[in-house]
Amino acid sequence: MRKRDDYDSLVQKITDPPYLLVYLAQQAAMKEYKHFNIFARKCEANAFYYQRLHGWNSAKFACLIMFNKRPTTPPPIIKLTGNERLHIDFNLRLGFYNPHSIFGELTHFKPSVIIPTHSSPVP
């Protein structure tokens, strides 16, 4: 990818191009193939909203989604990074979370449709 003449324009403001290589490939594909439709959103505005809100402090992020009451309108998607997964795993093993938090509501979610398992009889 680095050997491409347009590498700098593909990278734009991507901070870690080797780690985020799939996004560079997306940019290259969008330049070369014009007959497709794709929707891309800036992750800092949605998936990483809470991380940005707390200065990328994984402990504060974990507290926000595990202990604070779930906001009325949370972001449509929340991405977890490695350190955040460690904080969540630690608290989950101890059973420390608020059932009314974002995390708590997800763990206690009951689907409205029952999906049969392999052991369920099929009619």
Foldseek 3Di string as FASTA:
>chain_A
DVPDPCQCVLCPPPPDCVVVVVSSVVSVCVVPDVPDDDDDDDCCVAQCVLCVVVVNPLLVSLCQQFEDADDPDHGPHHDDDPVNVVNNVVCVVVPDGDCRGNVNVVVVDDDPDDDDDPPDDDD
